[in-house]
């Protein structure tokens, strides 16, 4: 009995353990299966990537000061970060991978890059 492709139902030729007739069918099948469960992850990663690019763009010298308005104008979302670092003195830095920011007085932020 010939095996059928899980996506299109075509006859599968080749290895005994093949499940799909082509890469296109394999990709289409996996995209359908993972669509709903991966949406949250994809959206979160896209948000983190955008925040990272903004911090990288505004902090070319690895250490600078920028206003909240400038971050918001660039599309920065303060709800998305990858880690929090608290110094011994109690200062709290928020990081998006190796790009970080520290809230300062007067709606300003110190931008830093972790080495």
N, C-alpha and C. Protein backbone atom coordinates (compact mmCIF):
# COMPACT_ATOMS: atom_id res chain seq x y z
N UNK A 1 0.84 -1.19 0.00
CA UNK A 1 0.00 0.00 0.00
C UNK A 1 0.89 1.25 0.00
N UNK A 2 0.68 2.13 -0.94
CA UNK A 2 1.48 3.35 -1.07
C UNK A 2 1.06 4.38 -0.03
N UNK A 3 2.05 5.05 0.53
CA UNK A 3 1.77 6.11 1.50
C UNK A 3 1.31 7.36 0.77
N UNK A 4 0.50 8.17 1.47
CA UNK A 4 0.01 9.41 0.88
C UNK A 4 0.57 10.60 1.66
N UNK A 5 0.78 11.69 0.93
CA UNK A 5 1.26 12.95 1.51
C UNK A 5 0.22 13.46 2.52
N UNK A 6 0.69 13.86 3.68
CA UNK A 6 -0.21 14.37 4.73
C UNK A 6 -0.89 15.68 4.33
N UNK A 7 -0.29 16.42 3.40
CA UNK A 7 -0.84 17.70 3.00
C UNK A 7 -1.80 17.59 1.82
N UNK A 8 -1.35 17.00 0.72
CA UNK A 8 -2.15 17.01 -0.50
C UNK A 8 -2.75 15.65 -0.86
N UNK A 9 -2.29 14.58 -0.23
CA UNK A 9 -2.83 13.25 -0.51
C UNK A 9 -2.19 12.54 -1.68
N UNK A 10 -1.21 13.16 -2.33
CA UNK A 10 -0.52 12.53 -3.45
C UNK A 10 0.28 11.32 -2.97
N UNK A 11 0.56 10.41 -3.89
CA UNK A 11 1.37 9.23 -3.59
C UNK A 11 2.81 9.66 -3.31
N UNK A 12 3.41 9.08 -2.28
CA UNK A 12 4.78 9.42 -1.90
C UNK A 12 5.73 8.40 -2.51
N UNK A 13 6.75 8.92 -3.19
CA UNK A 13 7.79 8.07 -3.79
C UNK A 13 9.10 8.37 -3.07
N UNK A 14 9.83 7.34 -2.70
CA UNK A 14 11.13 7.56 -2.07
C UNK A 14 11.26 6.81 -0.77
N UNK A 15 11.92 7.42 0.17
CA UNK A 15 12.20 6.78 1.45
C UNK A 15 10.93 6.28 2.13
N UNK A 16 11.07 5.24 2.90
CA UNK A 16 9.93 4.60 3.56
C UNK A 16 9.34 5.49 4.66
N UNK A 17 10.16 6.36 5.25
CA UNK A 17 9.67 7.19 6.36
C UNK A 17 9.22 8.59 5.92
N UNK A 18 9.15 8.84 4.61
CA UNK A 18 8.69 10.15 4.13
C UNK A 18 7.22 10.36 4.47
N UNK A 19 6.87 11.60 4.80
CA UNK A 19 5.48 11.93 5.11
C UNK A 19 4.86 12.88 4.09
N UNK A 20 5.72 13.54 3.31
CA UNK A 20 5.25 14.55 2.37
C UNK A 20 5.87 14.30 1.00
N UNK A 21 5.16 14.71 -0.05
CA UNK A 21 5.64 14.50 -1.41
C UNK A 21 6.67 15.55 -1.83
N UNK A 22 6.66 16.71 -1.16
CA UNK A 22 7.60 17.78 -1.53
C UNK A 22 7.85 18.70 -0.33
N UNK A 23 8.87 19.54 -0.48
CA UNK A 23 9.16 20.53 0.56
C UNK A 23 8.00 21.53 0.70
N UNK A 24 7.38 21.85 -0.41
CA UNK A 24 6.26 22.80 -0.37
C UNK A 24 5.11 22.25 0.47
N UNK A 25 4.80 20.96 0.31
CA UNK A 25 3.73 20.35 1.10
C UNK A 25 4.13 20.27 2.58
N UNK A 26 5.39 19.94 2.83
CA UNK A 26 5.86 19.87 4.22
C UNK A 26 5.75 21.24 4.89
N UNK A 27 6.18 22.29 4.20
CA UNK A 27 6.09 23.64 4.75
C UNK A 27 4.65 24.08 4.97
N UNK A 28 3.80 23.81 3.99
CA UNK A 28 2.39 24.21 4.10
C UNK A 28 1.72 23.50 5.29
N UNK A 29 2.00 22.21 5.43
CA UNK A 29 1.42 21.43 6.53
C UNK A 29 1.88 21.98 7.89
N UNK A 30 3.18 22.18 8.03
CA UNK A 30 3.73 22.67 9.30
C UNK A 30 3.27 24.09 9.61
N UNK A 31 3.13 24.92 8.59
CA UNK A 31 2.62 26.28 8.81
C UNK A 31 1.19 26.25 9.33
N UNK A 32 0.37 25.35 8.79
CA UNK A 32 -1.02 25.23 9.27
C UNK A 32 -1.06 24.72 10.71
N UNK A 33 -0.25 23.72 11.00
CA UNK A 33 -0.25 23.12 12.34
C UNK A 33 0.22 24.12 13.40
N UNK A 34 1.23 24.92 13.07
CA UNK A 34 1.84 25.82 14.06
C UNK A 34 1.28 27.23 14.06
N UNK A 35 0.36 27.54 13.19
CA UNK A 35 -0.12 28.92 13.02
C UNK A 35 -0.61 29.55 14.32
N UNK A 36 -1.59 28.95 14.98
CA UNK A 36 -2.18 29.56 16.16
C UNK A 36 -1.24 29.59 17.35
N UNK A 37 -0.53 28.51 17.59
CA UNK A 37 0.33 28.44 18.76
C UNK A 37 1.57 29.33 18.63
N UNK A 38 1.98 29.64 17.44
CA UNK A 38 3.19 30.42 17.23
C UNK A 38 2.94 31.92 17.09
N UNK A 39 1.68 32.34 16.95
CA UNK A 39 1.38 33.75 16.75
C UNK A 39 1.88 34.63 17.89
N UNK A 40 1.64 34.23 19.13
CA UNK A 40 2.08 35.00 20.29
C UNK A 40 3.60 35.13 20.30
N UNK A 41 4.27 34.03 20.05
CA UNK A 41 5.74 34.03 20.05
C UNK A 41 6.27 34.91 18.93
N UNK A 42 5.70 34.78 17.75
CA UNK A 42 6.16 35.58 16.61
C UNK A 42 5.96 37.07 16.88
N UNK A 43 4.79 37.45 17.40
CA UNK A 43 4.51 38.85 17.69
C UNK A 43 5.43 39.40 18.78
N UNK A 44 5.68 38.60 19.81
CA UNK A 44 6.58 39.03 20.89
C UNK A 44 8.00 39.22 20.36
N UNK A 45 8.48 38.27 19.57
CA UNK A 45 9.83 38.39 19.01
C UNK A 45 9.95 39.59 18.08
N UNK A 46 8.91 39.85 17.30
CA UNK A 46 8.93 41.03 16.42
C UNK A 46 9.00 42.32 17.24
N UNK A 47 8.26 42.37 18.34
CA UNK A 47 8.26 43.55 19.22
C UNK A 47 9.65 43.74 19.85
N UNK A 48 10.25 42.65 20.34
CA UNK A 48 11.59 42.71 20.93
C UNK A 48 12.62 43.15 19.89
N UNK A 49 12.50 42.61 18.68
CA UNK A 49 13.44 42.97 17.61
C UNK A 49 13.34 44.45 17.29
N UNK A 50 12.11 44.98 17.24
CA UNK A 50 11.92 46.41 16.95
C UNK A 50 12.52 47.26 18.08
N UNK A 51 12.25 46.89 19.33
CA UNK A 51 12.82 47.63 20.46
C UNK A 51 14.36 47.61 20.40
N UNK A 52 14.92 46.46 20.07
CA UNK A 52 16.38 46.33 19.99
C UNK A 52 16.94 47.26 18.93
N UNK A 53 16.32 47.28 17.76
CA UNK A 53 16.80 48.15 16.67
C UNK A 53 16.74 49.62 17.08
N UNK A 54 15.68 50.00 17.78
CA UNK A 54 15.53 51.39 18.22
C UNK A 54 16.64 51.75 19.20
N UNK A 55 16.89 50.91 20.19
CA UNK A 55 17.95 51.17 21.16
C UNK A 55 19.31 51.23 20.48
N UNK A 56 19.54 50.32 19.55
CA UNK A 56 20.82 50.28 18.83
C UNK A 56 21.02 51.54 17.99
N UNK A 57 19.94 52.00 17.35
CA UNK A 57 20.00 53.20 16.51
C UNK A 57 20.27 54.46 17.36
N UNK A 58 19.60 54.56 18.52
CA UNK A 58 19.74 55.75 19.35
C UNK A 58 20.99 55.72 20.24
N UNK A 59 21.68 54.59 20.28
CA UNK A 59 22.85 54.44 21.15
C UNK A 59 24.08 53.95 20.38
N UNK A 60 24.54 54.73 19.39
CA UNK A 60 25.66 54.27 18.57
C UNK A 60 27.00 54.24 19.32
N UNK A 61 27.12 55.04 20.39
CA UNK A 61 28.39 55.13 21.12
C UNK A 61 28.40 54.27 22.38
N UNK A 62 27.44 53.35 22.51
CA UNK A 62 27.34 52.40 23.61
C UNK A 62 26.90 53.02 24.94
N UNK A 63 26.77 54.34 25.00
CA UNK A 63 26.31 55.00 26.22
C UNK A 63 25.83 56.40 25.85
N UNK A 64 24.56 56.69 26.14
CA UNK A 64 24.01 58.01 25.80
C UNK A 64 22.78 58.28 26.64
N UNK A 65 22.23 59.48 26.47
CA UNK A 65 21.02 59.89 27.18
C UNK A 65 20.00 60.32 26.14
N UNK A 66 18.74 59.88 26.32
CA UNK A 66 17.70 60.19 25.35
C UNK A 66 16.38 60.43 26.08
N UNK A 67 15.50 61.21 25.47
CA UNK A 67 14.21 61.51 26.09
C UNK A 67 13.20 60.41 25.82
N UNK A 68 12.21 60.31 26.69
CA UNK A 68 11.12 59.35 26.50
C UNK A 68 10.41 59.63 25.17
N UNK A 69 10.21 60.91 24.87
CA UNK A 69 9.51 61.30 23.65
C UNK A 69 10.21 60.75 22.41
N UNK A 70 11.54 60.79 22.41
CA UNK A 70 12.29 60.29 21.26
C UNK A 70 12.13 58.78 21.11
N UNK A 71 12.13 58.06 22.24
CA UNK A 71 11.92 56.62 22.20
C UNK A 71 10.52 56.28 21.69
N UNK A 72 9.52 56.97 22.23
CA UNK A 72 8.13 56.72 21.84
C UNK A 72 7.92 57.07 20.37
N UNK A 73 8.51 58.18 19.94
CA UNK A 73 8.40 58.61 18.55
C UNK A 73 8.96 57.55 17.60
N UNK A 74 10.02 56.88 18.02
CA UNK A 74 10.63 55.83 17.20
C UNK A 74 9.81 54.53 17.23
N UNK A 75 8.83 54.45 18.14
CA UNK A 75 7.99 53.26 18.22
C UNK A 75 8.37 52.30 19.32
N UNK A 76 9.18 52.74 20.28
CA UNK A 76 9.62 51.86 21.37
C UNK A 76 8.45 51.50 22.27
N UNK A 77 8.37 50.23 22.67
CA UNK A 77 7.32 49.74 23.56
C UNK A 77 7.97 49.30 24.88
N UNK A 78 7.70 50.04 25.95
CA UNK A 78 8.33 49.79 27.25
C UNK A 78 7.85 48.50 27.92
N UNK A 79 6.85 47.85 27.36
CA UNK A 79 6.34 46.60 27.93
C UNK A 79 7.16 45.39 27.52
N UNK A 80 8.05 45.54 26.55
CA UNK A 80 8.81 44.41 26.03
C UNK A 80 10.30 44.59 26.29
N UNK A 81 10.84 43.72 27.11
CA UNK A 81 12.27 43.67 27.39
C UNK A 81 12.61 42.24 27.77
N UNK A 82 13.90 41.90 27.72
CA UNK A 82 14.29 40.50 27.96
C UNK A 82 14.78 40.25 29.38
N UNK A 83 15.32 41.27 30.05
CA UNK A 83 15.81 41.06 31.41
C UNK A 83 15.86 42.37 32.18
N UNK A 84 15.95 42.22 33.50
CA UNK A 84 16.10 43.36 34.40
C UNK A 84 17.37 43.13 35.20
N UNK A 85 18.18 44.17 35.32
CA UNK A 85 19.41 44.09 36.10
C UNK A 85 19.35 45.15 37.20
N UNK A 86 19.49 44.72 38.44
CA UNK A 86 19.50 45.64 39.58
C UNK A 86 20.91 45.69 40.15
N UNK A 87 21.47 46.89 40.24
CA UNK A 87 22.82 47.05 40.78
C UNK A 87 22.78 46.93 42.30
N UNK A 88 23.95 46.86 42.91
CA UNK A 88 24.04 46.79 44.38
C UNK A 88 23.42 48.03 45.02
N UNK A 89 23.49 49.15 44.33
CA UNK A 89 22.93 50.40 44.84
C UNK A 89 21.41 50.46 44.65
N UNK A 90 20.83 49.48 43.95
CA UNK A 90 19.39 49.44 43.77
C UNK A 90 18.90 50.07 42.48
N UNK A 91 19.81 50.46 41.60
CA UNK A 91 19.44 51.02 40.31
C UNK A 91 18.95 49.90 39.40
N UNK A 92 17.82 50.13 38.74
CA UNK A 92 17.22 49.09 37.90
C UNK A 92 17.37 49.42 36.41
N UNK A 93 18.10 48.55 35.70
CA UNK A 93 18.26 48.66 34.26
C UNK A 93 17.36 47.64 33.59
N UNK A 94 16.75 48.02 32.47
CA UNK A 94 15.94 47.11 31.67
C UNK A 94 16.72 46.82 30.39
N UNK A 95 16.81 45.55 30.02
CA UNK A 95 17.59 45.17 28.85
C UNK A 95 16.74 44.48 27.80
N UNK A 96 17.06 44.78 26.54
CA UNK A 96 16.57 44.04 25.39
C UNK A 96 17.83 43.40 24.82
N UNK A 97 18.06 42.16 25.22
CA UNK A 97 19.29 41.43 24.92
C UNK A 97 20.47 42.21 25.53
N UNK A 98 21.38 42.76 24.73
CA UNK A 98 22.53 43.48 25.32
C UNK A 98 22.36 45.00 25.31
N UNK A 99 21.24 45.49 24.82
CA UNK A 99 20.96 46.93 24.82
C UNK A 99 20.06 47.24 26.01
N UNK A 100 20.49 48.18 26.86
CA UNK A 100 19.73 48.47 28.05
C UNK A 100 19.35 49.93 28.18
N UNK A 101 18.40 50.19 29.10
CA UNK A 101 18.00 51.56 29.39
C UNK A 101 17.69 51.69 30.87
N UNK A 102 17.98 52.86 31.38
CA UNK A 102 17.78 53.18 32.79
C UNK A 102 16.91 54.42 32.87
N UNK A 103 15.74 54.32 33.49
CA UNK A 103 14.89 55.52 33.65
C UNK A 103 15.59 56.54 34.55
N UNK A 104 15.64 57.79 34.09
CA UNK A 104 16.23 58.88 34.86
C UNK A 104 15.13 59.88 35.22
N UNK A 105 15.46 60.87 36.00
CA UNK A 105 14.48 61.90 36.34
C UNK A 105 14.16 62.75 35.12
N UNK A 106 12.95 63.27 35.10
CA UNK A 106 12.57 64.21 34.04
C UNK A 106 12.30 63.55 32.70
N UNK A 107 11.79 62.35 32.69
CA UNK A 107 11.44 61.65 31.44
C UNK A 107 12.63 61.45 30.49
N UNK A 108 13.78 61.16 31.06
CA UNK A 108 14.96 60.83 30.27
C UNK A 108 15.41 59.42 30.60
N UNK A 109 16.17 58.83 29.68
CA UNK A 109 16.68 57.49 29.85
C UNK A 109 18.16 57.45 29.49
N UNK A 110 18.93 56.74 30.30
CA UNK A 110 20.32 56.47 29.97
C UNK A 110 20.32 55.18 29.18
N UNK A 111 20.91 55.19 27.98
CA UNK A 111 21.01 53.99 27.16
C UNK A 111 22.43 53.43 27.29
N UNK A 112 22.52 52.14 27.47
CA UNK A 112 23.82 51.49 27.65
C UNK A 112 23.85 50.20 26.82
N UNK A 113 25.07 49.73 26.57
CA UNK A 113 25.25 48.42 25.95
C UNK A 113 26.08 47.57 26.86
N UNK A 114 25.59 46.38 27.17
CA UNK A 114 26.31 45.45 28.03
C UNK A 114 27.40 44.77 27.22
N UNK A 115 28.58 44.71 27.77
CA UNK A 115 29.71 44.06 27.09
C UNK A 115 29.72 42.59 27.33
